[in-house]
Amino acid sequence: MKTLILTLTVLALSLTTLPAKEGPFTSVIIPDGGSDLQIGLASKQWLRITNFSQNDTSATIHADRSGVAVFKGNTSLWVLFATYTGEFAPHEDLFVAGPATVVISAQAGAVVFVTYQRGSD
């Protein structure tokens, strides 16, 4: 009887919380003139951006930087701008919780590199 109660207790406690499911890291290169990268997040999904940089394709450095915008409903907010290759600019990882649409937009004349991870709760 003790073994049965102990087994049921361990089983009940182990099923109370399910761990978050982390997906693999994905790296994407958006070429000069390429279309925006759009990532849709459902509720209980999240996105983590760990690297976001741009490399200009000409000798001229653009004043504008590529950016990440988050759309929730009809409202949007620019939340992250790219760093230039070779520029030391430490940043924290960006986390976005769903439901939302994340759009990574590249400036004309620049190649963009982004690394992100998707997961769910």
PDB file of N, CA and C in Angstrom:
ATOM      1  N   MET A   1       0.814  -1.185   0.000  1.00  0.00           N
ATOM      2  CA  MET A   1       0.000   0.000   0.000  1.00  0.00           C
ATOM      3  C   MET A   1       0.865   1.260   0.000  1.00  0.00           C
ATOM      4  N   LYS A   2       1.948   1.246   0.801  1.00  0.00           N
ATOM      5  CA  LYS A   2       2.851   2.386   0.837  1.00  0.00           C
ATOM      6  C   LYS A   2       3.458   2.636  -0.540  1.00  0.00           C
ATOM      7  N   THR A   3       3.818   1.577  -1.229  1.00  0.00           N
ATOM      8  CA  THR A   3       4.421   1.706  -2.553  1.00  0.00           C
ATOM      9  C   THR A   3       3.432   2.323  -3.539  1.00  0.00           C
ATOM     10  N   LEU A   4       2.178   1.933  -3.468  1.00  0.00           N
ATOM     11  CA  LEU A   4       1.159   2.476  -4.344  1.00  0.00           C
ATOM     12  C   LEU A   4       0.935   3.970  -4.077  1.00  0.00           C
ATOM     13  N   ILE A   5       0.860   4.359  -2.816  1.00  0.00           N
ATOM     14  CA  ILE A   5       0.669   5.761  -2.457  1.00  0.00           C
ATOM     15  C   ILE A   5       1.878   6.586  -2.883  1.00  0.00           C
ATOM     16  N   LEU A   6       3.070   6.074  -2.661  1.00  0.00           N
ATOM     17  CA  LEU A   6       4.287   6.778  -3.059  1.00  0.00           C
ATOM     18  C   LEU A   6       4.344   6.942  -4.577  1.00  0.00           C
ATOM     19  N   THR A   7       4.002   5.908  -5.304  1.00  0.00           N
ATOM     20  CA  THR A   7       4.003   5.966  -6.765  1.00  0.00           C
ATOM     21  C   THR A   7       2.990   6.985  -7.279  1.00  0.00           C
ATOM     22  N   LEU A   8       1.797   6.983  -6.721  1.00  0.00           N
ATOM     23  CA  LEU A   8       0.779   7.943  -7.131  1.00  0.00           C
ATOM     24  C   LEU A   8       1.169   9.380  -6.777  1.00  0.00           C
ATOM     25  N   THR A   9       1.807   9.576  -5.649  1.00  0.00           N
ATOM     26  CA  THR A   9       2.253  10.908  -5.239  1.00  0.00           C
ATOM     27  C   THR A   9       3.323  11.433  -6.183  1.00  0.00           C
ATOM     28  N   VAL A  10       4.300  10.607  -6.502  1.00  0.00           N
ATOM     29  CA  VAL A  10       5.374  11.012  -7.421  1.00  0.00           C
ATOM     30  C   VAL A  10       4.798  11.315  -8.798  1.00  0.00           C
ATOM     31  N   LEU A  11       3.890  10.502  -9.267  1.00  0.00           N
ATOM     32  CA  LEU A  11       3.263  10.722 -10.562  1.00  0.00           C
ATOM     33  C   LEU A  11       2.456  12.016 -10.584  1.00  0.00           C
ATOM     34  N   ALA A  12       1.693  12.260  -9.537  1.00  0.00           N
ATOM     35  CA  ALA A  12       0.882  13.483  -9.468  1.00  0.00           C
ATOM     36  C   ALA A  12       1.758  14.734  -9.414  1.00  0.00           C
ATOM     37  N   LEU A  13       2.829  14.707  -8.641  1.00  0.00           N
ATOM     38  CA  LEU A  13       3.712  15.863  -8.536  1.00  0.00           C
ATOM     39  C   LEU A  13       4.515  16.102  -9.808  1.00  0.00           C
ATOM     40  N   SER A  14       4.840  15.056 -10.531  1.00  0.00           N
ATOM     41  CA  SER A  14       5.631  15.230 -11.747  1.00  0.00           C
ATOM     42  C   SER A  14       4.798  15.773 -12.896  1.00  0.00           C
ATOM     43  N   LEU A  15       3.491  15.643 -12.849  1.00  0.00           N
ATOM     44  CA  LEU A  15       2.635  16.134 -13.917  1.00  0.00           C
ATOM     45  C   LEU A  15       2.037  17.503 -13.645  1.00  0.00           C
ATOM     46  N   THR A  16       2.373  18.118 -12.523  1.00  0.00           N
ATOM     47  CA  THR A  16       1.758  19.403 -12.182  1.00  0.00           C
ATOM     48  C   THR A  16       2.229  20.533 -13.076  1.00  0.00           C
ATOM     49  N   THR A  17       3.488  20.541 -13.459  1.00  0.00           N
ATOM     50  CA  THR A  17       3.984  21.580 -14.361  1.00  0.00           C
ATOM     51  C   THR A  17       4.696  20.915 -15.523  1.00  0.00           C
ATOM     52  N   LEU A  18       4.375  21.382 -16.697  1.00  0.00           N
ATOM     53  CA  LEU A  18       5.060  20.882 -17.872  1.00  0.00           C
ATOM     54  C   LEU A  18       6.177  21.862 -18.220  1.00  0.00           C
ATOM     55  N   PRO A  19       7.342  21.356 -18.589  1.00  0.00           N
ATOM     56  CA  PRO A  19       8.447  22.259 -18.896  1.00  0.00           C
ATOM     57  C   PRO A  19       8.211  23.006 -20.212  1.00  0.00           C
ATOM     58  N   ALA A  20       8.834  24.177 -20.322  1.00  0.00           N
ATOM     59  CA  ALA A  20       8.738  24.945 -21.563  1.00  0.00           C
ATOM     60  C   ALA A  20       9.490  24.217 -22.661  1.00  0.00           C
ATOM     61  N   LYS A  21       8.945  24.281 -23.853  1.00  0.00           N
ATOM     62  CA  LYS A  21       9.575  23.616 -24.990  1.00  0.00           C
ATOM     63  C   LYS A  21      10.375  24.646 -25.766  1.00  0.00           C
ATOM     64  N   GLU A  22      11.676  24.460 -25.773  1.00  0.00           N
ATOM     65  CA  GLU A  22      12.546  25.367 -26.501  1.00  0.00           C
ATOM     66  C   GLU A  22      12.857  24.763 -27.856  1.00  0.00           C
ATOM     67  N   GLY A  23      12.771  25.576 -28.879  1.00  0.00           N
ATOM     68  CA  GLY A  23      13.088  25.126 -30.222  1.00  0.00           C
ATOM     69  C   GLY A  23      14.556  25.359 -30.533  1.00  0.00           C
ATOM     70  N   PRO A  24      14.993  24.931 -31.710  1.00  0.00           N
ATOM     71  CA  PRO A  24      16.393  25.146 -32.093  1.00  0.00           C
ATOM     72  C   PRO A  24      16.630  26.605 -32.481  1.00  0.00           C
ATOM     73  N   PHE A  25      17.883  27.016 -32.460  1.00  0.00           N
ATOM     74  CA  PHE A  25      18.242  28.345 -32.927  1.00  0.00           C
ATOM     75  C   PHE A  25      18.203  28.346 -34.450  1.00  0.00           C
ATOM     76  N   THR A  26      17.698  29.437 -35.017  1.00  0.00           N
ATOM     77  CA  THR A  26      17.606  29.581 -36.463  1.00  0.00           C
ATOM     78  C   THR A  26      18.326  30.858 -36.859  1.00  0.00           C
ATOM     79  N   SER A  27      19.178  30.785 -37.869  1.00  0.00           N
ATOM     80  CA  SER A  27      19.863  31.959 -38.388  1.00  0.00           C
ATOM     81  C   SER A  27      19.370  32.231 -39.798  1.00  0.00           C
ATOM     82  N   VAL A  28      19.107  33.496 -40.082  1.00  0.00           N
ATOM     83  CA  VAL A  28      18.582  33.895 -41.390  1.00  0.00           C
ATOM     84  C   VAL A  28      19.400  35.070 -41.904  1.00  0.00           C
ATOM     85  N   ILE A  29      19.720  35.027 -43.197  1.00  0.00           N
ATOM     86  CA  ILE A  29      20.364  36.156 -43.861  1.00  0.00           C
ATOM     87  C   ILE A  29      19.337  36.766 -44.806  1.00  0.00           C
ATOM     88  N   ILE A  30      19.075  38.050 -44.636  1.00  0.00           N
ATOM     89  CA  ILE A  30      18.181  38.775 -45.536  1.00  0.00           C
ATOM     90  C   ILE A  30      19.079  39.559 -46.491  1.00  0.00           C
ATOM     91  N   PRO A  31      19.095  39.184 -47.775  1.00  0.00           N
ATOM     92  CA  PRO A  31      19.997  39.861 -48.722  1.00  0.00           C
ATOM     93  C   PRO A  31      19.525  41.276 -49.048  1.00  0.00           C
ATOM     94  N   ASP A  32      20.409  42.040 -49.667  1.00  0.00           N
ATOM     95  CA  ASP A  32      20.062  43.392 -50.102  1.00  0.00           C
ATOM     96  C   ASP A  32      18.885  43.309 -51.068  1.00  0.00           C
ATOM     97  N   GLY A  33      17.832  44.020 -50.779  1.00  0.00           N
ATOM     98  CA  GLY A  33      16.637  43.978 -51.614  1.00  0.00           C
ATOM     99  C   GLY A  33      15.713  42.815 -51.299  1.00  0.00           C
ATOM    100  N   GLY A  34      16.057  42.021 -50.292  1.00  0.00           N
ATOM    101  CA  GLY A  34      15.225  40.884 -49.901  1.00  0.00           C
ATOM    102  C   GLY A  34      13.979  41.339 -49.156  1.00  0.00           C
ATOM    103  N   SER A  35      13.000  40.448 -49.099  1.00  0.00           N
ATOM    104  CA  SER A  35      11.757  40.794 -48.410  1.00  0.00           C
ATOM    105  C   SER A  35      11.913  40.659 -46.901  1.00  0.00           C
ATOM    106  N   ASP A  36      11.042  41.331 -46.184  1.00  0.00           N
ATOM    107  CA  ASP A  36      11.062  41.295 -44.720  1.00  0.00           C
ATOM    108  C   ASP A  36      10.791  39.878 -44.221  1.00  0.00           C
ATOM    109  N   LEU A  37      11.367  39.555 -43.066  1.00  0.00           N
ATOM    110  CA  LEU A  37      11.105  38.278 -42.403  1.00  0.00           C
ATOM    111  C   LEU A  37       9.958  38.498 -41.427  1.00  0.00           C
ATOM    112  N   GLN A  38       8.897  37.711 -41.573  1.00  0.00           N
ATOM    113  CA  GLN A  38       7.716  37.865 -40.729  1.00  0.00           C
ATOM    114  C   GLN A  38       7.514  36.565 -39.952  1.00  0.00           C
ATOM    115  N   ILE A  39       7.418  36.687 -38.623  1.00  0.00           N
ATOM    116  CA  ILE A  39       7.265  35.522 -37.741  1.00  0.00           C
ATOM    117  C   ILE A  39       5.998  35.717 -36.924  1.00  0.00           C
ATOM    118  N   GLY A  40       5.046  34.816 -37.080  1.00  0.00           N
ATOM    119  CA  GLY A  40       3.805  34.875 -36.322  1.00  0.00           C
ATOM    120  C   GLY A  40       3.901  34.034 -35.058  1.00  0.00           C
ATOM    121  N   LEU A  41       3.477  34.594 -33.955  1.00  0.00           N
ATOM    122  CA  LEU A  41       3.488  33.895 -32.668  1.00  0.00           C
ATOM    123  C   LEU A  41       2.061  33.763 -32.161  1.00  0.00           C
ATOM    124  N   ALA A  42       1.660  32.543 -31.836  1.00  0.00           N
ATOM    125  CA  ALA A  42       0.353  32.308 -31.231  1.00  0.00           C
ATOM    126  C   ALA A  42       0.467  32.538 -29.723  1.00  0.00           C
ATOM    127  N   SER A  43      -0.663  32.469 -29.037  1.00  0.00           N
ATOM    128  CA  SER A  43      -0.600  32.614 -27.586  1.00  0.00           C
ATOM    129  C   SER A  43       0.190  31.446 -27.011  1.00  0.00           C
ATOM    130  N   LYS A  44       0.877  31.704 -25.940  1.00  0.00           N
ATOM    131  CA  LYS A  44       1.754  30.746 -25.253  1.00  0.00           C
ATOM    132  C   LYS A  44       2.980  30.377 -26.079  1.00  0.00           C
ATOM    133  N   GLN A  45       3.337  31.181 -27.072  1.00  0.00           N
ATOM    134  CA  GLN A  45       4.587  31.014 -27.800  1.00  0.00           C
ATOM    135  C   GLN A  45       5.460  32.232 -27.520  1.00  0.00           C
ATOM    136  N   TRP A  46       6.780  32.064 -27.667  1.00  0.00           N
ATOM    137  CA  TRP A  46       7.703  33.166 -27.449  1.00  0.00           C
ATOM    138  C   TRP A  46       8.806  33.116 -28.491  1.00  0.00           C
ATOM    139  N   LEU A  47       9.490  34.234 -28.637  1.00  0.00           N
ATOM    140  CA  LEU A  47      10.598  34.367 -29.577  1.00  0.00           C
ATOM    141  C   LEU A  47      11.740  35.075 -28.858  1.00  0.00           C
ATOM    142  N   ARG A  48      12.948  34.581 -29.057  1.00  0.00           N
ATOM    143  CA  ARG A  48      14.138  35.174 -28.440  1.00  0.00           C
ATOM    144  C   ARG A  48      15.127  35.504 -29.559  1.00  0.00           C
ATOM    145  N   ILE A  49      15.475  36.773 -29.720  1.00  0.00           N
ATOM    146  CA  ILE A  49      16.453  37.195 -30.716  1.00  0.00           C
ATOM    147  C   ILE A  49      17.777  37.398 -30.003  1.00  0.00           C
ATOM    148  N   THR A  50      18.804  36.656 -30.435  1.00  0.00           N
ATOM    149  CA  THR A  50      20.100  36.718 -29.763  1.00  0.00           C
ATOM    150  C   THR A  50      21.150  37.494 -30.547  1.00  0.00           C
ATOM    151  N   ASN A  51      20.975  37.613 -31.868  1.00  0.00           N
ATOM    152  CA  ASN A  51      21.953  38.312 -32.691  1.00  0.00           C
ATOM    153  C   ASN A  51      21.212  39.026 -33.807  1.00  0.00           C
ATOM    154  N   PHE A  52      21.547  40.280 -34.041  1.00  0.00           N
ATOM    155  CA  PHE A  52      20.904  41.058 -35.093  1.00  0.00           C
ATOM    156  C   PHE A  52      21.899  42.093 -35.577  1.00  0.00           C
ATOM    157  N   SER A  53      22.484  41.885 -36.753  1.00  0.00           N
ATOM    158  CA  SER A  53      23.482  42.813 -37.273  1.00  0.00           C
ATOM    159  C   SER A  53      23.260  43.059 -38.756  1.00  0.00           C
ATOM    160  N   GLN A  54      23.815  44.167 -39.239  1.00  0.00           N
ATOM    161  CA  GLN A  54      23.693  44.495 -40.656  1.00  0.00           C
ATOM    162  C   GLN A  54      25.058  44.855 -41.206  1.00  0.00           C
ATOM    163  N   ASN A  55      25.258  44.525 -42.481  1.00  0.00           N
ATOM    164  CA  ASN A  55      26.491  44.833 -43.185  1.00  0.00           C
ATOM    165  C   ASN A  55      26.113  45.596 -44.445  1.00  0.00           C
ATOM    166  N   ASP A  56      26.592  46.824 -44.579  1.00  0.00           N
ATOM    167  CA  ASP A  56      26.265  47.623 -45.750  1.00  0.00           C
ATOM    168  C   ASP A  56      26.944  47.034 -46.983  1.00  0.00           C
ATOM    169  N   THR A  57      26.246  47.085 -48.111  1.00  0.00           N
ATOM    170  CA  THR A  57      26.788  46.518 -49.350  1.00  0.00           C
ATOM    171  C   THR A  57      27.619  47.522 -50.125  1.00  0.00           C
ATOM    172  N   SER A  58      27.632  48.770 -49.711  1.00  0.00           N
ATOM    173  CA  SER A  58      28.450  49.783 -50.377  1.00  0.00           C
ATOM    174  C   SER A  58      29.440  50.360 -49.373  1.00  0.00           C
ATOM    175  N   ALA A  59      30.301  51.235 -49.840  1.00  0.00           N
ATOM    176  CA  ALA A  59      31.292  51.850 -48.955  1.00  0.00           C
ATOM    177  C   ALA A  59      30.656  52.875 -48.026  1.00  0.00           C
ATOM    178  N   THR A  60      29.462  53.334 -48.377  1.00  0.00           N
ATOM    179  CA  THR A  60      28.765  54.326 -47.566  1.00  0.00           C
ATOM    180  C   THR A  60      28.012  53.642 -46.435  1.00  0.00           C
ATOM    181  N   ILE A  61      28.199  54.135 -45.230  1.00  0.00           N
ATOM    182  CA  ILE A  61      27.457  53.593 -44.089  1.00  0.00           C
ATOM    183  C   ILE A  61      26.137  54.342 -43.989  1.00  0.00           C
ATOM    184  N   HIS A  62      25.072  53.604 -43.959  1.00  0.00           N
ATOM    185  CA  HIS A  62      23.746  54.208 -43.895  1.00  0.00           C
ATOM    186  C   HIS A  62      23.473  54.776 -42.506  1.00  0.00           C
ATOM    187  N   ALA A  63      22.764  55.872 -42.487  1.00  0.00           N
ATOM    188  CA  ALA A  63      22.374  56.458 -41.204  1.00  0.00           C
ATOM    189  C   ALA A  63      21.259  55.636 -40.568  1.00  0.00           C
ATOM    190  N   ASP A  64      20.409  55.051 -41.409  1.00  0.00           N
ATOM    191  CA  ASP A  64      19.310  54.235 -40.898  1.00  0.00           C
ATOM    192  C   ASP A  64      19.781  52.801 -40.695  1.00  0.00           C
ATOM    193  N   ARG A  65      19.231  52.188 -39.681  1.00  0.00           N
ATOM    194  CA  ARG A  65      19.572  50.795 -39.395  1.00  0.00           C
ATOM    195  C   ARG A  65      18.350  49.926 -39.610  1.00  0.00           C
ATOM    196  N   SER A  66      18.586  48.663 -39.892  1.00  0.00           N
ATOM    197  CA  SER A  66      17.497  47.704 -40.003  1.00  0.00           C
ATOM    198  C   SER A  66      16.888  47.521 -38.631  1.00  0.00           C
ATOM    199  N   GLY A  67      15.621  47.093 -38.588  1.00  0.00           N
ATOM    200  CA  GLY A  67      14.954  47.027 -37.301  1.00  0.00           C
ATOM    201  C   GLY A  67      14.005  45.859 -37.157  1.00  0.00           C
ATOM    202  N   VAL A  68      13.597  45.643 -35.913  1.00  0.00           N
ATOM    203  CA  VAL A  68      12.613  44.627 -35.554  1.00  0.00           C
ATOM    204  C   VAL A  68      11.399  45.349 -34.996  1.00  0.00           C
ATOM    205  N   ALA A  69      10.245  45.058 -35.584  1.00  0.00           N
ATOM    206  CA  ALA A  69       8.990  45.646 -35.112  1.00  0.00           C
ATOM    207  C   ALA A  69       8.087  44.539 -34.597  1.00  0.00           C
ATOM    208  N   VAL A  70       7.356  44.828 -33.529  1.00  0.00           N
ATOM    209  CA  VAL A  70       6.407  43.870 -32.959  1.00  0.00           C
ATOM    210  C   VAL A  70       5.005  44.446 -33.137  1.00  0.00           C
ATOM    211  N   PHE A  71       4.139  43.642 -33.745  1.00  0.00           N
ATOM    212  CA  PHE A  71       2.752  44.036 -33.960  1.00  0.00           C
ATOM    213  C   PHE A  71       1.854  43.212 -33.044  1.00  0.00           C
ATOM    214  N   LYS A  72       1.018  43.891 -32.269  1.00  0.00           N
ATOM    215  CA  LYS A  72      -0.007  43.246 -31.443  1.00  0.00           C
ATOM    216  C   LYS A  72      -1.317  43.943 -31.772  1.00  0.00           C
ATOM    217  N   GLY A  73      -2.170  43.234 -32.492  1.00  0.00           N
ATOM    218  CA  GLY A  73      -3.408  43.856 -32.955  1.00  0.00           C
ATOM    219  C   GLY A  73      -3.089  44.899 -34.003  1.00  0.00           C
ATOM    220  N   ASN A  74      -3.615  46.105 -33.815  1.00  0.00           N
ATOM    221  CA  ASN A  74      -3.379  47.197 -34.762  1.00  0.00           C
ATOM    222  C   ASN A  74      -2.240  48.110 -34.352  1.00  0.00           C
ATOM    223  N   THR A  75      -1.574  47.809 -33.247  1.00  0.00           N
ATOM    224  CA  THR A  75      -0.489  48.662 -32.784  1.00  0.00           C
ATOM    225  C   THR A  75       0.853  47.973 -33.008  1.00  0.00           C
ATOM    226  N   SER A  76       1.878  48.784 -33.194  1.00  0.00           N
ATOM    227  CA  SER A  76       3.218  48.234 -33.409  1.00  0.00           C
ATOM    228  C   SER A  76       4.247  49.087 -32.685  1.00  0.00           C
ATOM    229  N   LEU A  77       5.428  48.502 -32.497  1.00  0.00           N
ATOM    230  CA  LEU A  77       6.504  49.197 -31.801  1.00  0.00           C
ATOM    231  C   LEU A  77       7.833  48.680 -32.333  1.00  0.00           C
ATOM    232  N   TRP A  78       8.755  49.589 -32.687  1.00  0.00           N
ATOM    233  CA  TRP A  78      10.114  49.195 -33.048  1.00  0.00           C
ATOM    234  C   TRP A  78      10.837  48.863 -31.746  1.00  0.00           C
ATOM    235  N   VAL A  79      11.374  47.671 -31.631  1.00  0.00           N
ATOM    236  CA  VAL A  79      11.954  47.241 -30.354  1.00  0.00           C
ATOM    237  C   VAL A  79      13.458  46.995 -30.403  1.00  0.00           C
ATOM    238  N   LEU A  80      14.025  46.856 -31.607  1.00  0.00           N
ATOM    239  CA  LEU A  80      15.456  46.552 -31.700  1.00  0.00           C
ATOM    240  C   LEU A  80      15.977  47.054 -33.034  1.00  0.00           C
ATOM    241  N   PHE A  81      17.187  47.613 -33.030  1.00  0.00           N
ATOM    242  CA  PHE A  81      17.833  48.047 -34.262  1.00  0.00           C
ATOM    243  C   PHE A  81      19.160  47.319 -34.410  1.00  0.00           C
ATOM    244  N   ALA A  82      19.539  47.039 -35.645  1.00  0.00           N
ATOM    245  CA  ALA A  82      20.732  46.239 -35.935  1.00  0.00           C
ATOM    246  C   ALA A  82      22.003  46.993 -35.567  1.00  0.00           C
ATOM    247  N   THR A  83      23.035  46.231 -35.252  1.00  0.00           N
ATOM    248  CA  THR A  83      24.362  46.796 -35.059  1.00  0.00           C
ATOM    249  C   THR A  83      25.141  46.585 -36.352  1.00  0.00           C
ATOM    250  N   TYR A  84      26.148  47.409 -36.565  1.00  0.00           N
ATOM    251  CA  TYR A  84      26.999  47.253 -37.745  1.00  0.00           C
ATOM    252  C   TYR A  84      28.056  46.203 -37.465  1.00  0.00           C
ATOM    253  N   THR A  85      28.457  45.489 -38.502  1.00  0.00           N
ATOM    254  CA  THR A  85      29.509  44.491 -38.365  1.00  0.00           C
ATOM    255  C   THR A  85      30.791  45.179 -37.925  1.00  0.00           C
ATOM    256  N   GLY A  86      31.457  44.638 -36.935  1.00  0.00           N
ATOM    257  CA  GLY A  86      32.688  45.225 -36.409  1.00  0.00           C
ATOM    258  C   GLY A  86      32.450  46.278 -35.343  1.00  0.00           C
ATOM    259  N   GLU A  87      31.219  46.652 -35.105  1.00  0.00           N
ATOM    260  CA  GLU A  87      30.893  47.646 -34.083  1.00  0.00           C
ATOM    261  C   GLU A  87      30.608  46.915 -32.776  1.00  0.00           C
ATOM    262  N   PHE A  88      31.250  47.315 -31.706  1.00  0.00           N
ATOM    263  CA  PHE A  88      31.003  46.681 -30.419  1.00  0.00           C
ATOM    264  C   PHE A  88      29.820  47.369 -29.763  1.00  0.00           C
ATOM    265  N   ALA A  89      28.728  46.663 -29.698  1.00  0.00           N
ATOM    266  CA  ALA A  89      27.525  47.207 -29.078  1.00  0.00           C
ATOM    267  C   ALA A  89      26.843  46.082 -28.309  1.00  0.00           C
ATOM    268  N   PRO A  90      27.199  45.902 -27.044  1.00  0.00           N
ATOM    269  CA  PRO A  90      26.581  44.817 -26.282  1.00  0.00           C
ATOM    270  C   PRO A  90      25.088  45.055 -26.106  1.00  0.00           C
ATOM    271  N   HIS A  91      24.330  43.969 -26.135  1.00  0.00           N
ATOM    272  CA  HIS A  91      22.888  44.085 -25.934  1.00  0.00           C
ATOM    273  C   HIS A  91      22.376  42.834 -25.233  1.00  0.00           C
ATOM    274  N   GLU A  92      21.249  42.981 -24.632  1.00  0.00           N
ATOM    275  CA  GLU A  92      20.577  41.850 -24.014  1.00  0.00           C
ATOM    276  C   GLU A  92      19.727  41.164 -25.078  1.00  0.00           C
ATOM    277  N   ASP A  93      19.448  39.898 -24.882  1.00  0.00           N
ATOM    278  CA  ASP A  93      18.556  39.194 -25.792  1.00  0.00           C
ATOM    279  C   ASP A  93      17.177  39.829 -25.733  1.00  0.00           C
ATOM    280  N   LEU A  94      16.502  39.807 -26.868  1.00  0.00           N
ATOM    281  CA  LEU A  94      15.151  40.355 -26.948  1.00  0.00           C
ATOM    282  C   LEU A  94      14.160  39.203 -26.865  1.00  0.00           C
ATOM    283  N   PHE A  95      13.203  39.292 -25.937  1.00  0.00           N
ATOM    284  CA  PHE A  95      12.148  38.292 -25.803  1.00  0.00           C
ATOM    285  C   PHE A  95      10.818  38.919 -26.183  1.00  0.00           C
ATOM    286  N   VAL A  96      10.035  38.208 -27.007  1.00  0.00           N
ATOM    287  CA  VAL A  96       8.702  38.656 -27.399  1.00  0.00           C
ATOM    288  C   VAL A  96       7.739  37.513 -27.108  1.00  0.00           C
ATOM    289  N   ALA A  97       6.654  37.820 -26.399  1.00  0.00           N
ATOM    290  CA  ALA A  97       5.636  36.819 -26.076  1.00  0.00           C
ATOM    291  C   ALA A  97       4.442  37.004 -27.001  1.00  0.00           C
ATOM    292  N   GLY A  98       3.851  35.882 -27.398  1.00  0.00           N
ATOM    293  CA  GLY A  98       2.699  35.914 -28.283  1.00  0.00           C
ATOM    294  C   GLY A  98       1.421  36.123 -27.506  1.00  0.00           C
ATOM    295  N   PRO A  99       0.346  36.416 -28.150  1.00  0.00           N
ATOM    296  CA  PRO A  99       0.195  36.482 -29.598  1.00  0.00           C
ATOM    297  C   PRO A  99       0.742  37.792 -30.150  1.00  0.00           C
ATOM    298  N   ALA A 100       1.543  37.690 -31.195  1.00  0.00           N
ATOM    299  CA  ALA A 100       2.143  38.865 -31.831  1.00  0.00           C
ATOM    300  C   ALA A 100       2.688  38.457 -33.190  1.00  0.00           C
ATOM    301  N   THR A 101       2.988  39.460 -33.991  1.00  0.00           N
ATOM    302  CA  THR A 101       3.685  39.253 -35.253  1.00  0.00           C
ATOM    303  C   THR A 101       4.973  40.053 -35.185  1.00  0.00           C
ATOM    304  N   VAL A 102       6.098  39.395 -35.423  1.00  0.00           N
ATOM    305  CA  VAL A 102       7.403  40.037 -35.387  1.00  0.00           C
ATOM    306  C   VAL A 102       7.872  40.202 -36.831  1.00  0.00           C
ATOM    307  N   VAL A 103       8.235  41.426 -37.200  1.00  0.00           N
ATOM    308  CA  VAL A 103       8.697  41.711 -38.554  1.00  0.00           C
ATOM    309  C   VAL A 103      10.124  42.238 -38.470  1.00  0.00           C
ATOM    310  N   ILE A 104      11.039  41.567 -39.185  1.00  0.00           N
ATOM    311  CA  ILE A 104      12.428  42.000 -39.241  1.00  0.00           C
ATOM    312  C   ILE A 104      12.626  42.625 -40.613  1.00  0.00           C
ATOM    313  N   SER A 105      12.913  43.910 -40.620  1.00  0.00           N
ATOM    314  CA  SER A 105      12.964  44.694 -41.844  1.00  0.00           C
ATOM    315  C   SER A 105      14.394  45.131 -42.127  1.00  0.00           C
ATOM    316  N   ALA A 106      14.860  44.893 -43.359  1.00  0.00           N
ATOM    317  CA  ALA A 106      16.203  45.291 -43.769  1.00  0.00           C
ATOM    318  C   ALA A 106      16.151  46.601 -44.546  1.00  0.00           C
ATOM    319  N   GLN A 107      17.137  47.456 -44.330  1.00  0.00           N
ATOM    320  CA  GLN A 107      17.258  48.702 -45.089  1.00  0.00           C
ATOM    321  C   GLN A 107      17.792  48.392 -46.481  1.00  0.00           C
ATOM    322  N   ALA A 108      17.449  49.212 -47.456  1.00  0.00           N
ATOM    323  CA  ALA A 108      17.999  49.064 -48.804  1.00  0.00           C
ATOM    324  C   ALA A 108      19.499  49.323 -48.749  1.00  0.00           C
ATOM    325  N   GLY A 109      20.283  48.480 -49.414  1.00  0.00           N
ATOM    326  CA  GLY A 109      21.729  48.634 -49.413  1.00  0.00           C
ATOM    327  C   GLY A 109      22.417  47.943 -48.260  1.00  0.00           C
ATOM    328  N   ALA A 110      21.713  47.041 -47.578  1.00  0.00           N
ATOM    329  CA  ALA A 110      22.302  46.346 -46.429  1.00  0.00           C
ATOM    330  C   ALA A 110      21.903  44.876 -46.444  1.00  0.00           C
ATOM    331  N   VAL A 111      22.805  44.040 -45.958  1.00  0.00           N
ATOM    332  CA  VAL A 111      22.538  42.620 -45.746  1.00  0.00           C
ATOM    333  C   VAL A 111      22.379  42.433 -44.245  1.00  0.00           C
ATOM    334  N   VAL A 112      21.323  41.722 -43.835  1.00  0.00           N
ATOM    335  CA  VAL A 112      21.004  41.574 -42.418  1.00  0.00           C
ATOM    336  C   VAL A 112      21.167  40.116 -42.000  1.00  0.00           C
ATOM    337  N   PHE A 113      21.732  39.918 -40.818  1.00  0.00           N
ATOM    338  CA  PHE A 113      21.892  38.585 -40.230  1.00  0.00           C
ATOM    339  C   PHE A 113      21.179  38.574 -38.888  1.00  0.00           C
ATOM    340  N   VAL A 114      20.305  37.597 -38.686  1.00  0.00           N
ATOM    341  CA  VAL A 114      19.564  37.499 -37.435  1.00  0.00           C
ATOM    342  C   VAL A 114      19.554  36.047 -36.963  1.00  0.00           C
ATOM    343  N   THR A 115      19.710  35.852 -35.648  1.00  0.00           N
ATOM    344  CA  THR A 115      19.620  34.534 -35.030  1.00  0.00           C
ATOM    345  C   THR A 115      18.523  34.598 -33.981  1.00  0.00           C
ATOM    346  N   TYR A 116      17.586  33.633 -34.061  1.00  0.00           N
ATOM    347  CA  TYR A 116      16.482  33.626 -33.106  1.00  0.00           C
ATOM    348  C   TYR A 116      16.123  32.202 -32.707  1.00  0.00           C
ATOM    349  N   GLN A 117      15.342  32.119 -31.640  1.00  0.00           N
ATOM    350  CA  GLN A 117      14.868  30.846 -31.102  1.00  0.00           C
ATOM    351  C   GLN A 117      13.389  30.993 -30.782  1.00  0.00           C
ATOM    352  N   ARG A 118      12.598  30.010 -31.213  1.00  0.00           N
ATOM    353  CA  ARG A 118      11.164  29.992 -30.895  1.00  0.00           C
ATOM    354  C   ARG A 118      10.915  28.924 -29.857  1.00  0.00           C
ATOM    355  N   GLY A 119       9.898  29.129 -29.053  1.00  0.00           N
ATOM    356  CA  GLY A 119       9.522  28.133 -28.071  1.00  0.00           C
ATOM    357  C   GLY A 119       8.076  28.334 -27.643  1.00  0.00           C
ATOM    358  N   SER A 120       7.622  27.434 -26.781  1.00  0.00           N
ATOM    359  CA  SER A 120       6.258  27.540 -26.267  1.00  0.00           C
ATOM    360  C   SER A 120       6.269  27.220 -24.780  1.00  0.00           C
ATOM    361  N   ASP A 121       5.261  27.754 -24.097  1.00  0.00           N
ATOM    362  CA  ASP A 121       5.124  27.519 -22.654  1.00  0.00           C
ATOM    363  C   ASP A 121       4.458  26.189 -22.417  1.00  0.00           C
TER     364      ASP A 121
END
